[in-house]
């Protein structure tokens, strides 16, 4: 954290890979997905499906959506998909604080819980992340519990979010009953060139800096290597900041992005790939060297005055 604060004038890491909703950049694709989520929940429509490639920001989007929901919505967010009916009901009980009276009465008790919330004016939403890991039997059980409804509204709203493979699963004959229940089916698309530029600026601004260390040419290079995939953008930018600190360069230009992309083995034909094998030790070593350099800098009492570069 020290180098970001002292060298780049940021209060926090601008390109962390953690799904922090405060850093959500609403590109048109993400904005549309949020709007459709809101429609499905507010109108009590039942099922919504969100898919996108690895690194597209699905989890960040889901967490931002959860933060938008008020106290009139009772929510459950399942990060690890349940692998059986018993695991599903155990997870539901844990999220909502329900104590099942018996195994055989779980569906009736869940219906009672949903009706109690409905009478109290509250909606109930379940969000399943990594939905491609759900097996067909669990998906069928989720479909069945969404049958609980009044004459004009669903008592339970469900959002299923997963990788593109989930689209393939959903299109199979085994899940045709579930597919017919889906009101919204949306796929996130990568950021465009200008959105990539604005995404970088927005994250630096959210982190607390008054100006961005990235030149416009650097941002264009980031787009070229990442093809607009947010996680890859974060990887490139974070490593570029660490490299800039190690070289005492507060301005990040195209050449530095080219070098980082080479180290990460990012090529145009592999827009989302970062080697997890032989490259990982090298990347970890780079990060630790930069942090050790930062610590030594503080010990020696270095005072670094940030300069203004390409403005936000």
Protein backbone atom coordinates (compact mmCIF):
# COMPACT_ATOMS: atom_id res chain seq x y z
CA UNK A 1 0.00 0.00 0.00
CA UNK A 2 2.88 2.39 0.79
CA UNK A 3 4.05 2.93 -2.76
CA UNK A 4 0.54 3.71 -3.99
CA UNK A 5 0.03 6.32 -1.29
CA UNK A 6 3.45 7.98 -1.27
CA UNK A 7 4.40 7.65 -4.93
CA UNK A 8 1.09 7.82 -6.79
CA UNK A 9 -0.98 9.74 -4.20
CA UNK A 10 -3.59 6.97 -3.84
CA UNK A 11 -5.33 6.10 -0.58
CA UNK A 12 -5.77 2.48 -1.67
CA UNK A 13 -4.67 0.11 -4.40
CA UNK A 14 -6.35 1.28 -7.60
CA UNK A 15 -6.07 -2.02 -9.47
CA UNK A 16 -6.64 -4.68 -6.86
CA UNK A 17 -8.19 -7.89 -8.18
CA UNK A 18 -10.65 -8.01 -5.25
CA UNK A 19 -14.29 -7.49 -6.34
CA UNK A 20 -14.77 -4.16 -4.56
CA UNK A 21 -18.13 -2.61 -5.60
CA UNK A 22 -16.81 0.91 -4.96
CA UNK A 23 -14.53 0.45 -7.99
CA UNK A 24 -17.30 -0.68 -10.34
CA UNK A 25 -17.11 1.13 -13.67
CA UNK A 26 -20.47 1.23 -15.38
CA UNK A 27 -19.74 0.61 -19.03
CA UNK A 28 -22.91 0.33 -21.17
CA UNK A 29 -22.93 -3.47 -20.85
CA UNK A 30 -22.65 -3.39 -17.05
CA UNK A 31 -25.18 -0.57 -16.73
CA UNK A 32 -27.72 -2.50 -18.80
CA UNK A 33 -27.21 -5.64 -16.71
CA UNK A 34 -27.83 -3.71 -13.47
CA UNK A 35 -30.97 -2.14 -14.92
CA UNK A 36 -32.31 -5.55 -15.94
CA UNK A 37 -31.52 -7.04 -12.52
CA UNK A 38 -33.48 -4.22 -10.92
CA UNK A 39 -36.45 -4.80 -13.21
CA UNK A 40 -36.56 -8.55 -12.47
CA UNK A 41 -36.38 -8.01 -8.70
CA UNK A 42 -38.68 -5.00 -8.41
CA UNK A 43 -41.29 -6.58 -10.69
CA UNK A 44 -40.99 -9.99 -8.98
CA UNK A 45 -40.40 -11.76 -12.28
CA UNK A 46 -38.48 -14.80 -11.02
CA UNK A 47 -35.35 -15.79 -12.95
CA UNK A 48 -32.45 -13.80 -14.41
CA UNK A 49 -29.22 -15.13 -15.93
CA UNK A 50 -25.92 -13.29 -16.32
CA UNK A 51 -22.95 -14.73 -18.18
CA UNK A 52 -19.53 -13.43 -19.17
CA UNK A 53 -15.97 -14.51 -19.76
CA UNK A 54 -13.56 -14.97 -16.87
CA UNK A 55 -12.45 -11.58 -15.59
CA UNK A 56 -15.40 -9.59 -16.92
CA UNK A 57 -16.40 -8.30 -13.47
CA UNK A 58 -19.52 -10.41 -12.82
CA UNK A 59 -18.86 -10.75 -9.09
CA UNK A 60 -18.15 -7.03 -8.68
CA UNK A 61 -21.39 -6.26 -10.52
CA UNK A 62 -23.38 -8.63 -8.33
CA UNK A 63 -21.99 -7.14 -5.14
CA UNK A 64 -22.73 -3.63 -6.37
CA UNK A 65 -26.29 -4.74 -7.09
CA UNK A 66 -26.64 -6.15 -3.58
CA UNK A 67 -25.53 -2.81 -2.13
CA UNK A 68 -28.24 -1.04 -4.13
CA UNK A 69 -31.03 -3.14 -2.64
CA UNK A 70 -32.77 -1.65 0.36
CA UNK A 71 -33.97 -3.19 3.60
CA UNK A 72 -37.22 -4.21 1.90
CA UNK A 73 -35.25 -6.91 0.04
CA UNK A 74 -34.06 -10.03 1.88
CA UNK A 75 -30.99 -11.33 0.05
CA UNK A 76 -28.80 -14.44 -0.03
CA UNK A 77 -25.56 -14.52 -2.01
CA UNK A 78 -24.05 -17.95 -2.69
CA UNK A 79 -20.37 -17.71 -3.62
CA UNK A 80 -19.72 -21.47 -3.57
CA UNK A 81 -22.39 -23.36 -5.53
CA UNK A 82 -24.10 -26.18 -3.57
CA UNK A 83 -23.53 -29.61 -5.13
CA UNK A 84 -26.63 -31.40 -3.84
CA UNK A 85 -30.18 -30.75 -2.64
CA UNK A 86 -29.12 -31.12 0.98
CA UNK A 87 -26.28 -28.62 0.49
CA UNK A 88 -28.70 -26.23 -1.22
CA UNK A 89 -31.15 -26.25 1.68
CA UNK A 90 -28.33 -26.03 4.22
CA UNK A 91 -27.00 -22.96 2.41
CA UNK A 92 -30.47 -21.38 2.28
CA UNK A 93 -30.94 -22.00 6.00
CA UNK A 94 -27.56 -20.46 6.77
CA UNK A 95 -28.16 -17.35 4.64
CA UNK A 96 -31.68 -16.61 5.88
CA UNK A 97 -31.38 -17.93 9.43
CA UNK A 98 -34.02 -20.62 8.94
CA UNK A 99 -34.06 -23.70 11.19
CA UNK A 100 -35.72 -26.58 9.35
CA UNK A 101 -38.05 -28.57 11.56
CA UNK A 102 -37.51 -31.70 9.47
CA UNK A 103 -35.96 -32.76 6.17
CA UNK A 104 -39.31 -33.64 4.68
CA UNK A 105 -40.87 -30.26 5.45
CA UNK A 106 -38.14 -28.00 4.05
CA UNK A 107 -40.07 -26.90 0.96
CA UNK A 108 -43.20 -26.12 2.99
CA UNK A 109 -41.17 -24.21 5.56
CA UNK A 110 -39.43 -22.25 2.80
CA UNK A 111 -42.83 -21.39 1.35
CA UNK A 112 -43.93 -20.13 4.78
CA UNK A 113 -40.75 -18.05 5.03
CA UNK A 114 -41.38 -16.51 1.60
CA UNK A 115 -45.02 -15.78 2.42
CA UNK A 116 -44.06 -14.13 5.71
CA UNK A 117 -41.66 -11.85 3.84
CA UNK A 118 -44.29 -11.08 1.21
CA UNK A 119 -46.86 -10.12 3.85
CA UNK A 120 -44.26 -7.89 5.50
CA UNK A 121 -43.67 -6.11 2.18
CA UNK A 122 -40.24 -7.63 1.63
CA UNK A 123 -38.93 -9.30 -1.52
CA UNK A 124 -36.57 -12.31 -1.36
CA UNK A 125 -33.62 -12.67 -3.72
CA UNK A 126 -31.11 -15.51 -4.12
CA UNK A 127 -27.96 -14.94 -6.15
CA UNK A 128 -25.84 -17.90 -7.25
CA UNK A 129 -22.34 -17.00 -8.49
CA UNK A 130 -20.28 -19.49 -10.54
CA UNK A 131 -23.52 -21.03 -11.75
CA UNK A 132 -21.69 -23.17 -14.31
CA UNK A 133 -20.63 -25.35 -11.35
CA UNK A 134 -24.23 -26.15 -10.40
CA UNK A 135 -25.32 -29.62 -11.44
CA UNK A 136 -28.64 -30.17 -13.25
CA UNK A 137 -30.34 -31.70 -10.19
CA UNK A 138 -29.59 -28.65 -8.06
CA UNK A 139 -30.69 -26.32 -10.85
CA UNK A 140 -33.95 -28.25 -11.12
CA UNK A 141 -34.50 -27.89 -7.37
CA UNK A 142 -33.87 -24.14 -7.63
CA UNK A 143 -36.47 -24.02 -10.41
CA UNK A 144 -38.98 -25.89 -8.26
CA UNK A 145 -38.66 -23.56 -5.28
CA UNK A 146 -39.36 -20.60 -7.56
CA UNK A 147 -42.82 -22.09 -8.15
CA UNK A 148 -43.90 -20.44 -4.90
CA UNK A 149 -46.03 -17.48 -5.94
CA UNK A 150 -49.16 -15.48 -5.39
CA UNK A 151 -51.74 -14.91 -8.10
CA UNK A 152 -49.72 -12.01 -9.51
CA UNK A 153 -46.11 -12.24 -8.29
CA UNK A 154 -43.21 -14.61 -7.65
CA UNK A 155 -42.29 -14.94 -3.98
CA UNK A 156 -38.64 -15.71 -4.80
CA UNK A 157 -36.34 -14.01 -7.33
CA UNK A 158 -33.21 -15.86 -8.49
CA UNK A 159 -30.13 -14.55 -10.31
CA UNK A 160 -27.76 -17.13 -11.81
CA UNK A 161 -24.35 -15.80 -12.86
CA UNK A 162 -21.69 -17.84 -14.57
CA UNK A 163 -19.14 -18.27 -17.31
CA UNK A 164 -20.12 -18.83 -20.97
CA UNK A 165 -20.35 -22.58 -20.36
CA UNK A 166 -23.48 -21.89 -18.35
CA UNK A 167 -25.16 -20.65 -21.53
CA UNK A 168 -24.39 -24.02 -23.09
CA UNK A 169 -25.81 -25.83 -20.06
CA UNK A 170 -28.94 -23.73 -20.14
CA UNK A 171 -29.51 -24.52 -23.81
CA UNK A 172 -29.50 -28.27 -23.17
CA UNK A 173 -32.72 -30.29 -23.26
CA UNK A 174 -32.28 -31.27 -19.61
CA UNK A 175 -32.78 -27.66 -18.52
CA UNK A 176 -35.50 -26.63 -20.96
CA UNK A 177 -38.01 -26.20 -18.11
CA UNK A 178 -35.63 -23.82 -16.34
CA UNK A 179 -34.81 -22.02 -19.59
CA UNK A 180 -38.49 -21.25 -20.12
CA UNK A 181 -38.61 -19.50 -16.73
CA UNK A 182 -35.76 -17.11 -17.47
CA UNK A 183 -37.05 -13.56 -17.91
CA UNK A 184 -33.68 -11.89 -18.40
CA UNK A 185 -30.67 -13.49 -20.04
CA UNK A 186 -27.74 -11.12 -20.46
CA UNK A 187 -24.10 -11.51 -21.45
CA UNK A 188 -21.43 -9.01 -20.47
CA UNK A 189 -19.15 -7.83 -23.27
CA UNK A 190 -15.58 -6.47 -22.99
CA UNK A 191 -14.92 -2.74 -22.66
CA UNK A 192 -14.29 -0.74 -25.80
CA UNK A 193 -11.20 1.40 -26.35
CA UNK A 194 -12.58 4.61 -24.85
CA UNK A 195 -14.27 2.78 -21.99
CA UNK A 196 -10.91 1.16 -21.19
CA UNK A 197 -9.32 4.62 -21.00
CA UNK A 198 -12.14 5.86 -18.76
CA UNK A 199 -12.05 2.68 -16.66
CA UNK A 200 -8.37 3.25 -15.83
CA UNK A 201 -8.99 6.91 -14.97
CA UNK A 202 -12.03 6.06 -12.85
CA UNK A 203 -10.17 3.49 -10.76
CA UNK A 204 -7.27 5.85 -10.11
CA UNK A 205 -9.75 8.57 -9.14
CA UNK A 206 -11.66 6.23 -6.83
CA UNK A 207 -8.37 5.28 -5.19
CA UNK A 208 -7.92 8.94 -4.25
CA UNK A 209 -5.45 10.34 -6.78
CA UNK A 210 -6.05 13.75 -8.34
CA UNK A 211 -4.44 12.74 -11.62
CA UNK A 212 -3.53 9.55 -13.44
CA UNK A 213 0.03 8.36 -13.96
CA UNK A 214 -1.04 6.63 -17.20
CA UNK A 215 -0.61 8.49 -20.47
CA UNK A 216 -3.31 8.16 -23.10
CA UNK A 217 -0.95 6.09 -25.22
CA UNK A 218 -0.41 3.76 -22.25
CA UNK A 219 -4.17 3.32 -21.86
CA UNK A 220 -4.50 2.47 -25.55
CA UNK A 221 -1.74 -0.12 -25.14
CA UNK A 222 -3.58 -1.58 -22.16
CA UNK A 223 -6.67 -1.94 -24.31
CA UNK A 224 -4.70 -3.58 -27.10
CA UNK A 225 -3.30 -6.26 -24.80
CA UNK A 226 -6.36 -6.77 -22.58
CA UNK A 227 -9.03 -6.48 -25.28
CA UNK A 228 -11.16 -4.73 -22.70
CA UNK A 229 -11.31 -7.51 -20.09
CA UNK A 230 -11.31 -5.73 -16.68
CA UNK A 231 -9.24 -8.30 -14.77
CA UNK A 232 -6.49 -8.22 -17.41
CA UNK A 233 -6.59 -4.41 -17.38
CA UNK A 234 -6.04 -4.51 -13.61
CA UNK A 235 -3.13 -6.94 -13.97
CA UNK A 236 -1.41 -4.78 -16.56
CA UNK A 237 -1.94 -1.50 -14.71
CA UNK A 238 -0.94 -2.80 -11.27
CA UNK A 239 2.27 -4.35 -12.59
CA UNK A 240 3.02 -1.17 -14.54
CA UNK A 241 2.69 0.92 -11.35
CA UNK A 242 5.06 -1.40 -9.49
CA UNK A 243 7.54 -1.29 -12.37
CA UNK A 244 7.25 2.51 -12.51
CA UNK A 245 8.05 2.77 -8.83
CA UNK A 246 11.03 0.45 -9.13
CA UNK A 247 12.39 2.67 -11.94
CA UNK A 248 11.50 5.96 -10.24
CA UNK A 249 9.10 6.83 -13.05
CA UNK A 250 5.81 8.36 -11.98
CA UNK A 251 4.52 8.56 -15.54
CA UNK A 252 3.46 5.28 -17.14
CA UNK A 253 3.83 5.30 -20.92
CA UNK A 254 3.22 2.87 -23.75
CA UNK A 255 6.70 1.36 -23.53
CA UNK A 256 6.21 0.34 -19.89
CA UNK A 257 2.89 -1.32 -20.77
CA UNK A 258 4.61 -3.20 -23.62
CA UNK A 259 7.24 -4.49 -21.22
CA UNK A 260 4.72 -5.55 -18.59
CA UNK A 261 2.57 -7.28 -21.22
CA UNK A 262 5.64 -9.17 -22.38
CA UNK A 263 6.41 -10.27 -18.82
CA UNK A 264 2.81 -11.39 -18.37
CA UNK A 265 2.99 -13.18 -21.72
CA UNK A 266 -0.07 -11.39 -23.02
CA UNK A 267 -0.43 -11.59 -26.77
CA UNK A 268 -3.24 -10.51 -29.06
CA UNK A 269 -4.40 -14.08 -29.65
CA UNK A 270 -4.64 -14.75 -25.90
CA UNK A 271 -6.55 -11.78 -24.60
CA UNK A 272 -7.52 -13.28 -21.27
CA UNK A 273 -4.59 -15.56 -20.55
CA UNK A 274 -2.00 -15.05 -17.87
CA UNK A 275 0.17 -18.08 -17.33
CA UNK A 276 -0.46 -19.54 -13.89
CA UNK A 277 2.50 -21.91 -14.05
CA UNK A 278 6.04 -20.88 -14.84
CA UNK A 279 5.25 -17.15 -14.90
CA UNK A 280 3.70 -16.99 -11.43
CA UNK A 281 6.98 -17.11 -9.43
CA UNK A 282 8.38 -14.33 -11.60
CA UNK A 283 5.33 -12.12 -11.05
CA UNK A 284 5.37 -12.73 -7.31
CA UNK A 285 9.09 -11.92 -7.21
CA UNK A 286 8.48 -8.65 -9.08
CA UNK A 287 5.81 -7.60 -6.58
CA UNK A 288 7.91 -8.45 -3.53
CA UNK A 289 10.96 -6.66 -4.90
CA UNK A 290 8.90 -3.55 -5.44
CA UNK A 291 7.47 -3.74 -1.93
CA UNK A 292 10.91 -4.28 -0.39
CA UNK A 293 12.12 -1.24 -2.31
CA UNK A 294 9.18 0.73 -0.90
CA UNK A 295 10.03 -0.31 2.66
CA UNK A 296 13.66 0.65 2.24
CA UNK A 297 12.53 3.97 0.83
CA UNK A 298 10.53 4.78 3.92
CA UNK A 299 13.36 3.73 6.22
CA UNK A 300 15.73 6.11 4.41
CA UNK A 301 13.21 8.89 4.71
CA UNK A 302 12.59 9.46 1.03
CA UNK A 303 10.13 12.22 0.37
CA UNK A 304 8.56 11.91 -3.01
CA UNK A 305 6.37 14.69 -4.40
CA UNK A 306 3.85 13.35 -6.95
CA UNK A 307 3.89 15.18 -10.28
CA UNK A 308 0.79 15.77 -12.40
CA UNK A 309 0.51 13.86 -15.60
CA UNK A 310 -2.38 13.01 -17.84
CA UNK A 311 -5.38 14.48 -15.96
CA UNK A 312 -8.44 12.60 -14.84
